[in-house]
Amino acid sequence: ISPAGVIKEDGPAGDYLKTYQIRPRDFNSFGSRRGNHEVMMRGTFANIRIRNEMAPGTEGGVTRHQPSGEEMPIYDAAMRYRAEGVPLVVVGGKEYGTGSSRDWAAKGTRLLGVRAVIVESFERIHRSNLVGMGVLPLQFKDGATRESLGLKGDETFDIAGIAGGITPGMDVSCTIRYAGGAARTVPLLCRIDTADEVAYFGNGGILHYVLRSMAAAA
């Protein structure tokens, strides 16, 4: 998930740097530019080995924009969805978020417009970091998976049960609307696990929470 490795000349991050007349030989790595959110968000979900099931047969940070079906970099699709006013959901498998570069895995996810992540299980620290960025971590229940639900990537998701307030470990419901017109509602476990995390998420993330707390105490 996290931006890592050398910045490619032909990717969204490389294109961005070239607009500032930075030569490809000077791009360096994502790690060297981790303070630049414009570069880092373009490198999120852009690992050359990542495989997105929305774009079968591809490798790297590629997806299909819906409903157009156009294949494009994940960053480009995220910006198109933002312009269209469409919030995003990531659907994944087991131990989602496992790895070493954890902070930008959550930061980049939020910057791309992802509002919720629905998976079979989370890596512990990444789950906490998602909450800290204001991204809702949700977990499948009753043995459900993306495969058992027949998800292809052209569905829409309506998450209900959080508007009235969140309690740690509560259940929520998600109505999946398939492209063919069918709909199915499934239970999900909300992985906001503590009262502190409820406060962080309710403020849009830990930074907003801290700033508002400081302002209230001033």
N, C-alpha and C. Protein backbone atom coordinates (compact mmCIF):
# COMPACT_ATOMS: atom_id res chain seq x y z
N ILE A 1 0.84 -1.20 0.00
CA ILE A 1 0.00 0.00 0.00
C ILE A 1 0.87 1.25 0.00
N SER A 2 1.86 1.28 0.90
CA SER A 2 2.69 2.48 1.07
C SER A 2 3.55 2.77 -0.15
N PRO A 3 3.78 4.04 -0.43
CA PRO A 3 4.74 4.40 -1.48
C PRO A 3 6.14 3.93 -1.09
N ALA A 4 6.80 3.22 -1.97
CA ALA A 4 8.13 2.70 -1.66
C ALA A 4 8.91 2.50 -2.94
N GLY A 5 10.24 2.55 -2.82
CA GLY A 5 11.10 2.29 -3.96
C GLY A 5 11.36 3.52 -4.80
N VAL A 6 11.98 3.29 -5.94
CA VAL A 6 12.34 4.38 -6.85
C VAL A 6 11.08 4.92 -7.53
N ILE A 7 11.03 6.23 -7.71
CA ILE A 7 9.90 6.87 -8.39
C ILE A 7 10.05 6.67 -9.89
N LYS A 8 9.05 6.05 -10.51
CA LYS A 8 9.10 5.76 -11.94
C LYS A 8 8.78 7.01 -12.76
N GLU A 9 9.45 7.12 -13.89
CA GLU A 9 9.25 8.29 -14.75
C GLU A 9 7.86 8.33 -15.34
N ASP A 10 7.27 7.15 -15.63
CA ASP A 10 6.00 7.11 -16.34
C ASP A 10 4.79 6.93 -15.43
N GLY A 11 4.97 7.12 -14.13
CA GLY A 11 3.85 7.00 -13.21
C GLY A 11 3.31 8.35 -12.78
N PRO A 12 2.20 8.38 -12.03
CA PRO A 12 1.62 9.65 -11.58
C PRO A 12 2.59 10.52 -10.78
N ALA A 13 3.42 9.91 -9.92
CA ALA A 13 4.38 10.70 -9.15
C ALA A 13 5.45 11.29 -10.05
N GLY A 14 5.95 10.49 -11.00
CA GLY A 14 6.93 11.01 -11.94
C GLY A 14 6.37 12.13 -12.80
N ASP A 15 5.13 11.96 -13.25
CA ASP A 15 4.49 13.01 -14.05
C ASP A 15 4.38 14.31 -13.24
N TYR A 16 4.06 14.18 -11.97
CA TYR A 16 3.94 15.37 -11.12
C TYR A 16 5.27 16.09 -10.98
N LEU A 17 6.34 15.33 -10.73
CA LEU A 17 7.66 15.95 -10.56
C LEU A 17 8.12 16.61 -11.85
N LYS A 18 7.79 16.02 -12.99
CA LYS A 18 8.20 16.61 -14.26
C LYS A 18 7.52 17.95 -14.51
N THR A 19 6.34 18.16 -13.94
CA THR A 19 5.68 19.47 -14.12
C THR A 19 6.46 20.58 -13.43
N TYR A 20 7.35 20.21 -12.52
CA TYR A 20 8.20 21.19 -11.83
C TYR A 20 9.63 21.17 -12.36
N GLN A 21 9.78 20.64 -13.59
CA GLN A 21 11.07 20.60 -14.28
C GLN A 21 12.14 19.82 -13.50
N ILE A 22 11.71 18.83 -12.75
CA ILE A 22 12.66 17.96 -12.06
C ILE A 22 13.04 16.83 -13.01
N ARG A 23 14.32 16.64 -13.22
CA ARG A 23 14.79 15.62 -14.16
C ARG A 23 14.60 14.23 -13.57
N PRO A 24 14.26 13.24 -14.41
CA PRO A 24 14.05 11.88 -13.90
C PRO A 24 15.21 11.35 -13.08
N ARG A 25 16.44 11.71 -13.44
CA ARG A 25 17.59 11.21 -12.67
C ARG A 25 17.61 11.77 -11.26
N ASP A 26 16.84 12.83 -11.02
CA ASP A 26 16.78 13.45 -9.69
C ASP A 26 15.51 13.08 -8.93
N PHE A 27 14.70 12.20 -9.48
CA PHE A 27 13.46 11.83 -8.79
C PHE A 27 13.74 11.20 -7.43
N ASN A 28 14.75 10.32 -7.39
CA ASN A 28 15.10 9.60 -6.17
C ASN A 28 13.96 8.66 -5.77
N SER A 29 13.83 8.37 -4.48
CA SER A 29 12.85 7.39 -4.01
C SER A 29 11.69 8.08 -3.30
N PHE A 30 10.62 7.32 -3.10
CA PHE A 30 9.50 7.85 -2.33
C PHE A 30 9.94 8.17 -0.90
N GLY A 31 10.82 7.35 -0.35
CA GLY A 31 11.28 7.61 1.00
C GLY A 31 11.97 8.95 1.15
N SER A 32 12.68 9.38 0.11
CA SER A 32 13.37 10.67 0.17
C SER A 32 12.41 11.84 0.05
N ARG A 33 11.18 11.57 -0.39
CA ARG A 33 10.19 12.64 -0.58
C ARG A 33 8.96 12.42 0.30
N ARG A 34 9.15 11.74 1.42
CA ARG A 34 8.01 11.39 2.27
C ARG A 34 7.35 12.60 2.92
N GLY A 35 8.01 13.75 2.88
CA GLY A 35 7.39 14.97 3.40
C GLY A 35 6.53 15.69 2.38
N ASN A 36 6.48 15.19 1.16
CA ASN A 36 5.71 15.82 0.09
C ASN A 36 4.45 14.98 -0.16
N HIS A 37 3.32 15.46 0.33
CA HIS A 37 2.10 14.64 0.23
C HIS A 37 1.64 14.47 -1.22
N GLU A 38 1.97 15.43 -2.08
CA GLU A 38 1.57 15.30 -3.48
C GLU A 38 2.26 14.11 -4.14
N VAL A 39 3.52 13.91 -3.82
CA VAL A 39 4.26 12.77 -4.35
C VAL A 39 3.77 11.47 -3.70
N MET A 40 3.63 11.50 -2.38
CA MET A 40 3.32 10.27 -1.66
C MET A 40 1.93 9.73 -1.97
N MET A 41 0.95 10.62 -2.12
CA MET A 41 -0.39 10.12 -2.43
C MET A 41 -0.44 9.50 -3.82
N ARG A 42 0.41 9.99 -4.73
CA ARG A 42 0.47 9.41 -6.07
C ARG A 42 1.16 8.05 -6.08
N GLY A 43 1.91 7.76 -5.03
CA GLY A 43 2.58 6.47 -4.94
C GLY A 43 1.84 5.45 -4.09
N THR A 44 0.72 5.84 -3.49
CA THR A 44 -0.06 4.91 -2.68
C THR A 44 -0.80 3.92 -3.57
N PHE A 45 -0.76 2.65 -3.21
CA PHE A 45 -1.32 1.55 -4.02
C PHE A 45 -0.66 1.48 -5.40
N ALA A 46 0.60 1.90 -5.50
CA ALA A 46 1.28 1.91 -6.81
C ALA A 46 2.45 0.93 -6.86
N ASN A 47 2.56 0.06 -5.88
CA ASN A 47 3.63 -0.93 -5.89
C ASN A 47 3.56 -1.77 -7.17
N ILE A 48 4.71 -2.05 -7.76
CA ILE A 48 4.73 -2.74 -9.05
C ILE A 48 4.23 -4.18 -8.96
N ARG A 49 4.15 -4.74 -7.74
CA ARG A 49 3.71 -6.12 -7.59
C ARG A 49 2.26 -6.23 -7.10
N ILE A 50 1.62 -5.12 -6.81
CA ILE A 50 0.25 -5.19 -6.31
C ILE A 50 -0.68 -5.68 -7.41
N ARG A 51 -1.68 -6.46 -7.04
CA ARG A 51 -2.65 -6.97 -8.01
C ARG A 51 -4.05 -6.58 -7.57
N ASN A 52 -4.68 -5.79 -8.38
CA ASN A 52 -6.01 -5.29 -8.10
C ASN A 52 -7.03 -6.16 -8.84
N GLU A 53 -7.91 -6.81 -8.10
CA GLU A 53 -8.88 -7.71 -8.72
C GLU A 53 -9.92 -6.96 -9.55
N MET A 54 -9.96 -5.64 -9.45
CA MET A 54 -10.83 -4.86 -10.33
C MET A 54 -10.27 -4.77 -11.74
N ALA A 55 -8.98 -5.06 -11.88
CA ALA A 55 -8.33 -5.00 -13.20
C ALA A 55 -7.60 -6.32 -13.45
N PRO A 56 -8.33 -7.39 -13.74
CA PRO A 56 -7.71 -8.71 -13.91
C PRO A 56 -6.64 -8.69 -15.00
N GLY A 57 -5.56 -9.44 -14.72
CA GLY A 57 -4.49 -9.55 -15.70
C GLY A 57 -3.47 -8.44 -15.64
N THR A 58 -3.64 -7.49 -14.72
CA THR A 58 -2.68 -6.39 -14.58
C THR A 58 -1.87 -6.56 -13.31
N GLU A 59 -0.76 -5.87 -13.26
CA GLU A 59 0.09 -5.84 -12.08
C GLU A 59 0.57 -4.41 -11.89
N GLY A 60 0.57 -3.94 -10.65
CA GLY A 60 0.91 -2.55 -10.39
C GLY A 60 -0.33 -1.76 -10.02
N GLY A 61 -0.17 -0.46 -9.83
CA GLY A 61 -1.25 0.38 -9.35
C GLY A 61 -2.27 0.74 -10.40
N VAL A 62 -3.02 -0.25 -10.87
CA VAL A 62 -3.98 -0.06 -11.96
C VAL A 62 -5.37 -0.42 -11.47
N THR A 63 -6.38 0.28 -11.95
CA THR A 63 -7.76 -0.04 -11.62
C THR A 63 -8.64 0.25 -12.83
N ARG A 64 -9.93 -0.01 -12.66
CA ARG A 64 -10.92 0.35 -13.68
C ARG A 64 -11.90 1.34 -13.07
N HIS A 65 -12.00 2.48 -13.71
CA HIS A 65 -12.99 3.47 -13.26
C HIS A 65 -14.39 2.95 -13.56
N GLN A 66 -15.28 3.14 -12.58
CA GLN A 66 -16.66 2.72 -12.77
C GLN A 66 -17.58 3.94 -12.79
N PRO A 67 -18.57 4.00 -13.63
CA PRO A 67 -19.04 2.90 -14.49
C PRO A 67 -18.44 2.89 -15.89
N SER A 68 -17.44 3.74 -16.17
CA SER A 68 -16.93 3.82 -17.54
C SER A 68 -16.18 2.58 -17.97
N GLY A 69 -15.56 1.86 -16.99
CA GLY A 69 -14.76 0.69 -17.31
C GLY A 69 -13.38 1.02 -17.83
N GLU A 70 -13.01 2.30 -17.84
CA GLU A 70 -11.71 2.72 -18.36
C GLU A 70 -10.59 2.32 -17.41
N GLU A 71 -9.54 1.71 -17.95
CA GLU A 71 -8.39 1.29 -17.15
C GLU A 71 -7.43 2.46 -16.99
N MET A 72 -6.95 2.68 -15.75
CA MET A 72 -6.10 3.84 -15.48
C MET A 72 -5.37 3.64 -14.16
N PRO A 73 -4.34 4.47 -13.88
CA PRO A 73 -3.68 4.40 -12.58
C PRO A 73 -4.66 4.67 -11.44
N ILE A 74 -4.43 4.05 -10.31
CA ILE A 74 -5.32 4.21 -9.16
C ILE A 74 -5.43 5.68 -8.75
N TYR A 75 -4.33 6.41 -8.77
CA TYR A 75 -4.39 7.83 -8.41
C TYR A 75 -5.31 8.60 -9.35
N ASP A 76 -5.19 8.36 -10.65
CA ASP A 76 -6.03 9.07 -11.62
C ASP A 76 -7.50 8.75 -11.40
N ALA A 77 -7.80 7.48 -11.12
CA ALA A 77 -9.19 7.10 -10.87
C ALA A 77 -9.71 7.77 -9.60
N ALA A 78 -8.86 7.81 -8.56
CA ALA A 78 -9.28 8.44 -7.30
C ALA A 78 -9.61 9.91 -7.50
N MET A 79 -8.80 10.60 -8.31
CA MET A 79 -9.07 12.02 -8.55
C MET A 79 -10.33 12.21 -9.39
N ARG A 80 -10.61 11.28 -10.28
CA ARG A 80 -11.84 11.39 -11.07
C ARG A 80 -13.05 11.17 -10.15
N TYR A 81 -12.96 10.17 -9.28
CA TYR A 81 -14.06 9.95 -8.33
C TYR A 81 -14.26 11.17 -7.43
N ARG A 82 -13.17 11.80 -7.02
CA ARG A 82 -13.29 12.99 -6.18
C ARG A 82 -14.04 14.09 -6.93
N ALA A 83 -13.70 14.28 -8.19
CA ALA A 83 -14.39 15.30 -8.99
C ALA A 83 -15.86 14.96 -9.18
N GLU A 84 -16.18 13.67 -9.17
CA GLU A 84 -17.56 13.22 -9.32
C GLU A 84 -18.33 13.18 -8.00
N GLY A 85 -17.61 13.45 -6.89
CA GLY A 85 -18.25 13.42 -5.58
C GLY A 85 -18.53 12.02 -5.07
N VAL A 86 -17.70 11.06 -5.44
CA VAL A 86 -17.91 9.66 -5.06
C VAL A 86 -16.88 9.25 -4.01
N PRO A 87 -17.29 8.99 -2.76
CA PRO A 87 -16.35 8.46 -1.76
C PRO A 87 -16.02 7.01 -2.08
N LEU A 88 -14.87 6.55 -1.59
CA LEU A 88 -14.35 5.24 -2.01
C LEU A 88 -14.29 4.25 -0.86
N VAL A 89 -14.37 2.97 -1.23
CA VAL A 89 -14.22 1.85 -0.30
C VAL A 89 -13.15 0.91 -0.86
N VAL A 90 -12.27 0.44 0.01
CA VAL A 90 -11.31 -0.61 -0.35
C VAL A 90 -11.83 -1.93 0.21
N VAL A 91 -11.81 -2.97 -0.60
CA VAL A 91 -12.20 -4.31 -0.16
C VAL A 91 -10.99 -5.22 -0.30
N GLY A 92 -10.66 -5.95 0.77
CA GLY A 92 -9.46 -6.78 0.74
C GLY A 92 -9.64 -8.10 1.47
N GLY A 93 -8.50 -8.76 1.72
CA GLY A 93 -8.51 -10.10 2.30
C GLY A 93 -8.04 -10.13 3.73
N LYS A 94 -7.12 -11.06 4.03
CA LYS A 94 -6.66 -11.29 5.40
C LYS A 94 -5.39 -10.50 5.70
N GLU A 95 -5.25 -10.13 6.98
CA GLU A 95 -4.07 -9.40 7.47
C GLU A 95 -3.79 -8.17 6.62
N TYR A 96 -4.83 -7.48 6.24
CA TYR A 96 -4.70 -6.30 5.39
C TYR A 96 -3.84 -5.25 6.08
N GLY A 97 -2.86 -4.73 5.35
CA GLY A 97 -1.98 -3.69 5.87
C GLY A 97 -0.67 -4.18 6.43
N THR A 98 -0.40 -5.49 6.34
CA THR A 98 0.86 -6.02 6.85
C THR A 98 2.03 -5.45 6.07
N GLY A 99 3.06 -5.02 6.78
CA GLY A 99 4.25 -4.45 6.14
C GLY A 99 4.96 -3.51 7.08
N SER A 100 6.02 -2.89 6.59
CA SER A 100 6.85 -2.05 7.46
C SER A 100 6.57 -0.56 7.32
N SER A 101 6.18 -0.09 6.13
CA SER A 101 5.98 1.35 5.92
C SER A 101 4.54 1.73 6.23
N ARG A 102 4.20 1.71 7.49
CA ARG A 102 2.79 1.71 7.85
C ARG A 102 2.14 3.08 7.87
N ASP A 103 2.87 4.13 8.23
CA ASP A 103 2.20 5.41 8.43
C ASP A 103 1.60 5.94 7.13
N TRP A 104 2.37 5.89 6.04
CA TRP A 104 1.85 6.41 4.78
C TRP A 104 0.83 5.47 4.15
N ALA A 105 0.77 4.23 4.58
CA ALA A 105 -0.28 3.35 4.09
C ALA A 105 -1.65 3.88 4.46
N ALA A 106 -1.76 4.45 5.65
CA ALA A 106 -3.03 5.04 6.09
C ALA A 106 -3.20 6.47 5.58
N LYS A 107 -2.12 7.25 5.61
CA LYS A 107 -2.21 8.64 5.13
C LYS A 107 -2.60 8.69 3.66
N GLY A 108 -1.92 7.89 2.85
CA GLY A 108 -2.20 7.88 1.42
C GLY A 108 -3.61 7.41 1.12
N THR A 109 -4.07 6.41 1.88
CA THR A 109 -5.43 5.91 1.70
C THR A 109 -6.44 7.03 1.89
N ARG A 110 -6.28 7.81 2.96
CA ARG A 110 -7.23 8.91 3.21
C ARG A 110 -7.13 9.99 2.14
N LEU A 111 -5.91 10.33 1.73
CA LEU A 111 -5.74 11.38 0.73
C LEU A 111 -6.36 11.01 -0.62
N LEU A 112 -6.45 9.72 -0.90
CA LEU A 112 -7.06 9.27 -2.15
C LEU A 112 -8.58 9.29 -2.10
N GLY A 113 -9.14 9.58 -0.95
CA GLY A 113 -10.60 9.66 -0.85
C GLY A 113 -11.28 8.42 -0.34
N VAL A 114 -10.50 7.48 0.21
CA VAL A 114 -11.08 6.25 0.76
C VAL A 114 -11.69 6.57 2.13
N ARG A 115 -12.95 6.21 2.31
CA ARG A 115 -13.65 6.50 3.56
C ARG A 115 -13.81 5.26 4.43
N ALA A 116 -13.71 4.06 3.83
CA ALA A 116 -13.86 2.82 4.60
C ALA A 116 -13.04 1.72 3.96
N VAL A 117 -12.56 0.80 4.79
CA VAL A 117 -11.83 -0.39 4.32
C VAL A 117 -12.55 -1.60 4.89
N ILE A 118 -12.96 -2.52 4.02
CA ILE A 118 -13.69 -3.72 4.42
C ILE A 118 -12.84 -4.94 4.08
N VAL A 119 -12.43 -5.71 5.11
CA VAL A 119 -11.51 -6.83 4.88
C VAL A 119 -11.87 -8.00 5.80
N GLU A 120 -11.16 -9.11 5.62
CA GLU A 120 -11.36 -10.27 6.48
C GLU A 120 -10.67 -10.09 7.82
N SER A 121 -9.49 -9.47 7.83
CA SER A 121 -8.79 -9.16 9.07
C SER A 121 -7.74 -8.08 8.79
N PHE A 122 -7.33 -7.38 9.86
CA PHE A 122 -6.38 -6.28 9.75
C PHE A 122 -5.07 -6.60 10.44
N GLU A 123 -3.99 -6.07 9.90
CA GLU A 123 -2.75 -5.96 10.67
C GLU A 123 -3.00 -4.92 11.76
N ARG A 124 -2.55 -5.20 12.97
CA ARG A 124 -2.94 -4.44 14.15
C ARG A 124 -2.64 -2.95 14.05
N ILE A 125 -1.42 -2.60 13.68
CA ILE A 125 -1.03 -1.19 13.67
C ILE A 125 -1.71 -0.45 12.52
N HIS A 126 -1.86 -1.10 11.38
CA HIS A 126 -2.51 -0.43 10.25
C HIS A 126 -3.97 -0.12 10.58
N ARG A 127 -4.64 -1.03 11.25
CA ARG A 127 -6.02 -0.75 11.65
C ARG A 127 -6.09 0.51 12.51
N SER A 128 -5.20 0.61 13.48
CA SER A 128 -5.16 1.79 14.34
C SER A 128 -4.83 3.05 13.56
N ASN A 129 -3.91 2.95 12.62
CA ASN A 129 -3.54 4.12 11.81
C ASN A 129 -4.69 4.57 10.91
N LEU A 130 -5.47 3.64 10.40
CA LEU A 130 -6.63 4.03 9.60
C LEU A 130 -7.60 4.87 10.43
N VAL A 131 -7.87 4.43 11.64
CA VAL A 131 -8.75 5.22 12.52
C VAL A 131 -8.16 6.60 12.75
N GLY A 132 -6.84 6.65 12.97
CA GLY A 132 -6.17 7.92 13.20
C GLY A 132 -6.25 8.87 12.02
N MET A 133 -6.48 8.34 10.84
CA MET A 133 -6.64 9.16 9.64
C MET A 133 -8.11 9.40 9.29
N GLY A 134 -9.02 8.89 10.13
CA GLY A 134 -10.44 9.10 9.86
C GLY A 134 -11.02 8.15 8.83
N VAL A 135 -10.37 7.01 8.62
CA VAL A 135 -10.87 5.98 7.70
C VAL A 135 -11.52 4.87 8.53
N LEU A 136 -12.71 4.46 8.16
CA LEU A 136 -13.48 3.49 8.94
C LEU A 136 -13.03 2.06 8.63
N PRO A 137 -12.47 1.33 9.62
CA PRO A 137 -12.08 -0.07 9.40
C PRO A 137 -13.25 -1.01 9.71
N LEU A 138 -13.62 -1.82 8.75
CA LEU A 138 -14.74 -2.75 8.90
C LEU A 138 -14.29 -4.15 8.53
N GLN A 139 -14.86 -5.14 9.22
CA GLN A 139 -14.42 -6.52 9.03
C GLN A 139 -15.62 -7.40 8.68
N PHE A 140 -15.44 -8.24 7.67
CA PHE A 140 -16.48 -9.20 7.32
C PHE A 140 -16.82 -10.10 8.51
N LYS A 141 -18.06 -10.55 8.57
CA LYS A 141 -18.50 -11.46 9.62
C LYS A 141 -19.03 -12.75 9.00
N ASP A 142 -19.18 -13.75 9.86
CA ASP A 142 -19.84 -15.01 9.49
C ASP A 142 -19.17 -15.70 8.31
N GLY A 143 -17.85 -15.54 8.21
CA GLY A 143 -17.11 -16.22 7.15
C GLY A 143 -17.25 -15.61 5.77
N ALA A 144 -17.89 -14.46 5.68
CA ALA A 144 -18.05 -13.81 4.37
C ALA A 144 -16.70 -13.31 3.85
N THR A 145 -16.53 -13.31 2.56
CA THR A 145 -15.33 -12.78 1.90
C THR A 145 -15.77 -12.08 0.62
N ARG A 146 -14.83 -11.40 0.00
CA ARG A 146 -15.16 -10.76 -1.28
C ARG A 146 -15.53 -11.81 -2.33
N GLU A 147 -14.90 -13.00 -2.22
CA GLU A 147 -15.23 -14.06 -3.18
C GLU A 147 -16.63 -14.62 -2.94
N SER A 148 -16.96 -14.89 -1.68
CA SER A 148 -18.28 -15.48 -1.40
C SER A 148 -19.42 -14.53 -1.74
N LEU A 149 -19.13 -13.22 -1.70
CA LEU A 149 -20.14 -12.23 -2.03
C LEU A 149 -20.18 -11.90 -3.52
N GLY A 150 -19.26 -12.51 -4.28
CA GLY A 150 -19.26 -12.31 -5.73
C GLY A 150 -18.91 -10.91 -6.16
N LEU A 151 -18.01 -10.26 -5.41
CA LEU A 151 -17.66 -8.87 -5.73
C LEU A 151 -16.71 -8.81 -6.93
N LYS A 152 -17.00 -7.90 -7.85
CA LYS A 152 -16.19 -7.72 -9.05
C LYS A 152 -15.57 -6.33 -9.14
N GLY A 153 -16.09 -5.38 -8.37
CA GLY A 153 -15.55 -4.03 -8.40
C GLY A 153 -16.47 -3.01 -9.02
N ASP A 154 -17.60 -3.48 -9.56
CA ASP A 154 -18.55 -2.53 -10.15
C ASP A 154 -19.77 -2.33 -9.25
N GLU A 155 -19.66 -2.74 -7.99
CA GLU A 155 -20.75 -2.58 -7.03
C GLU A 155 -20.66 -1.22 -6.33
N THR A 156 -21.76 -0.84 -5.69
CA THR A 156 -21.74 0.30 -4.77
C THR A 156 -22.08 -0.22 -3.38
N PHE A 157 -21.61 0.52 -2.36
CA PHE A 157 -21.75 0.09 -0.97
C PHE A 157 -22.42 1.19 -0.16
N ASP A 158 -23.47 0.82 0.55
CA ASP A 158 -24.15 1.73 1.47
C ASP A 158 -23.95 1.20 2.88
N ILE A 159 -23.19 1.94 3.70
CA ILE A 159 -22.89 1.51 5.06
C ILE A 159 -23.82 2.23 6.02
N ALA A 160 -24.57 1.46 6.80
CA ALA A 160 -25.56 2.04 7.71
C ALA A 160 -25.24 1.64 9.15
N GLY A 161 -25.66 2.49 10.08
CA GLY A 161 -25.53 2.14 11.49
C GLY A 161 -24.54 2.97 12.27
N ILE A 162 -23.86 3.92 11.61
CA ILE A 162 -22.88 4.73 12.33
C ILE A 162 -23.33 6.17 12.53
N ALA A 163 -24.36 6.59 11.83
CA ALA A 163 -24.79 7.99 11.92
C ALA A 163 -25.27 8.35 13.32
N GLY A 164 -25.85 7.38 14.02
CA GLY A 164 -26.35 7.65 15.36
C GLY A 164 -25.31 7.58 16.45
N GLY A 165 -24.06 7.32 16.08
CA GLY A 165 -22.99 7.22 17.06
C GLY A 165 -22.32 5.87 17.00
N ILE A 166 -21.04 5.84 17.32
CA ILE A 166 -20.24 4.62 17.27
C ILE A 166 -19.88 4.18 18.68
N THR A 167 -19.99 2.89 18.93
CA THR A 167 -19.46 2.29 20.14
C THR A 167 -18.43 1.24 19.74
N PRO A 168 -17.39 1.04 20.56
CA PRO A 168 -16.33 0.10 20.18
C PRO A 168 -16.89 -1.30 19.89
N GLY A 169 -16.46 -1.85 18.76
CA GLY A 169 -16.82 -3.21 18.41
C GLY A 169 -18.27 -3.42 18.00
N MET A 170 -18.95 -2.36 17.62
CA MET A 170 -20.36 -2.49 17.24
C MET A 170 -20.50 -3.15 15.87
N ASP A 171 -21.70 -3.63 15.60
CA ASP A 171 -22.03 -4.15 14.27
C ASP A 171 -22.64 -3.05 13.42
N VAL A 172 -22.35 -3.07 12.14
CA VAL A 172 -22.99 -2.18 11.18
C VAL A 172 -23.48 -3.05 10.02
N SER A 173 -24.31 -2.49 9.19
CA SER A 173 -24.78 -3.23 8.02
C SER A 173 -24.31 -2.55 6.76
N CYS A 174 -24.06 -3.34 5.75
CA CYS A 174 -23.61 -2.82 4.46
C CYS A 174 -24.49 -3.42 3.37
N THR A 175 -25.15 -2.55 2.63
CA THR A 175 -25.95 -3.00 1.49
C THR A 175 -25.11 -2.88 0.23
N ILE A 176 -24.89 -4.01 -0.40
CA ILE A 176 -24.10 -4.08 -1.64
C ILE A 176 -25.08 -4.08 -2.81
N ARG A 177 -24.91 -3.13 -3.69
CA ARG A 177 -25.77 -3.05 -4.87
C ARG A 177 -24.95 -3.45 -6.10
N TYR A 178 -25.34 -4.55 -6.70
CA TYR A 178 -24.61 -5.11 -7.83
C TYR A 178 -25.02 -4.42 -9.13
N ALA A 179 -24.11 -4.49 -10.11
CA ALA A 179 -24.34 -3.79 -11.38
C ALA A 179 -25.59 -4.28 -12.09
N GLY A 180 -25.95 -5.54 -11.89
CA GLY A 180 -27.12 -6.09 -12.55
C GLY A 180 -28.45 -5.70 -11.93
N GLY A 181 -28.40 -4.99 -10.78
CA GLY A 181 -29.62 -4.55 -10.14
C GLY A 181 -29.94 -5.24 -8.83
N ALA A 182 -29.31 -6.38 -8.56
CA ALA A 182 -29.54 -7.09 -7.31
C ALA A 182 -28.89 -6.34 -6.15
N ALA A 183 -29.37 -6.63 -4.94
CA ALA A 183 -28.80 -6.01 -3.74
C ALA A 183 -28.73 -7.06 -2.63
N ARG A 184 -27.76 -6.89 -1.75
CA ARG A 184 -27.60 -7.82 -0.64
C ARG A 184 -27.06 -7.05 0.56
N THR A 185 -27.65 -7.28 1.73
CA THR A 185 -27.20 -6.61 2.95
C THR A 185 -26.46 -7.61 3.82
N VAL A 186 -25.25 -7.24 4.24
CA VAL A 186 -24.42 -8.12 5.06
C VAL A 186 -23.99 -7.40 6.33
N PRO A 187 -23.80 -8.15 7.43
CA PRO A 187 -23.31 -7.53 8.66
C PRO A 187 -21.79 -7.36 8.62
N LEU A 188 -21.31 -6.29 9.22
CA LEU A 188 -19.88 -6.04 9.33
C LEU A 188 -19.55 -5.67 10.77
N LEU A 189 -18.35 -5.99 11.19
CA LEU A 189 -17.86 -5.61 12.51
C LEU A 189 -17.07 -4.32 12.39
N CYS A 190 -17.48 -3.31 13.13
CA CYS A 190 -16.74 -2.04 13.14
C CYS A 190 -15.50 -2.21 14.01
N ARG A 191 -14.31 -2.06 13.43
CA ARG A 191 -13.07 -2.26 14.15
C ARG A 191 -12.51 -0.97 14.75
N ILE A 192 -13.39 -0.09 15.17
CA ILE A 192 -12.99 0.99 16.07
C ILE A 192 -13.11 0.39 17.46
N ASP A 193 -11.97 0.12 18.09
CA ASP A 193 -11.94 -0.80 19.23
C ASP A 193 -11.96 -0.14 20.60
N THR A 194 -11.71 1.16 20.70
CA THR A 194 -11.62 1.81 22.01
C THR A 194 -12.39 3.12 22.01
N ALA A 195 -12.66 3.64 23.20
CA ALA A 195 -13.36 4.92 23.32
C ALA A 195 -12.52 6.05 22.75
N ASP A 196 -11.20 5.99 22.93
CA ASP A 196 -10.33 7.02 22.36
C ASP A 196 -10.44 7.02 20.84
N GLU A 197 -10.47 5.83 20.24
CA GLU A 197 -10.59 5.75 18.78
C GLU A 197 -11.93 6.29 18.29
N VAL A 198 -12.98 6.10 19.08
CA VAL A 198 -14.28 6.68 18.73
C VAL A 198 -14.15 8.19 18.63
N ALA A 199 -13.44 8.79 19.60
CA ALA A 199 -13.25 10.25 19.59
C ALA A 199 -12.41 10.69 18.41
N TYR A 200 -11.35 9.95 18.10
CA TYR A 200 -10.50 10.30 16.96
C TYR A 200 -11.32 10.28 15.66
N PHE A 201 -12.04 9.18 15.46
CA PHE A 201 -12.80 9.04 14.22
C PHE A 201 -13.91 10.08 14.13
N GLY A 202 -14.56 10.35 15.24
CA GLY A 202 -15.64 11.33 15.25
C GLY A 202 -15.19 12.73 14.89
N ASN A 203 -13.89 13.00 15.06
CA ASN A 203 -13.33 14.30 14.72
C ASN A 203 -12.66 14.31 13.35
N GLY A 204 -12.76 13.20 12.63
CA GLY A 204 -12.14 13.13 11.31
C GLY A 204 -10.70 12.71 11.32
N GLY A 205 -10.21 12.23 12.48
CA GLY A 205 -8.82 11.79 12.59
C GLY A 205 -8.16 12.36 13.82
N ILE A 206 -7.01 11.80 14.18
CA ILE A 206 -6.36 12.18 15.42
C ILE A 206 -5.83 13.61 15.40
N LEU A 207 -5.36 14.09 14.25
CA LEU A 207 -4.84 15.46 14.19
C LEU A 207 -5.96 16.46 14.45
N HIS A 208 -7.11 16.27 13.83
CA HIS A 208 -8.24 17.16 14.08
C HIS A 208 -8.66 17.10 15.55
N TYR A 209 -8.63 15.90 16.13
CA TYR A 209 -9.00 15.74 17.53
C TYR A 209 -8.06 16.54 18.44
N VAL A 210 -6.76 16.42 18.19
CA VAL A 210 -5.78 17.12 19.02
C VAL A 210 -5.93 18.63 18.88
N LEU A 211 -6.07 19.11 17.65
CA LEU A 211 -6.20 20.56 17.43
C LEU A 211 -7.45 21.12 18.09
N ARG A 212 -8.57 20.40 17.98
CA ARG A 212 -9.80 20.87 18.61
C ARG A 212 -9.70 20.83 20.13
N SER A 213 -9.02 19.81 20.65
CA SER A 213 -8.83 19.74 22.10
C SER A 213 -7.97 20.89 22.60
N MET A 214 -6.93 21.23 21.84
CA MET A 214 -6.06 22.35 22.23
C MET A 214 -6.82 23.67 22.16
N ALA A 215 -7.64 23.82 21.11
CA ALA A 215 -8.41 25.06 20.97
C ALA A 215 -9.42 25.21 22.10
N ALA A 216 -10.03 24.09 22.50
CA ALA A 216 -11.02 24.15 23.57
C ALA A 216 -10.39 24.48 24.91
N ALA A 217 -9.11 24.08 25.07
CA ALA A 217 -8.42 24.32 26.34
C ALA A 217 -7.77 25.69 26.41
N ALA A 218 -7.69 26.39 25.27
CA ALA A 218 -7.00 27.68 25.23
C ALA A 218 -7.80 28.77 25.93
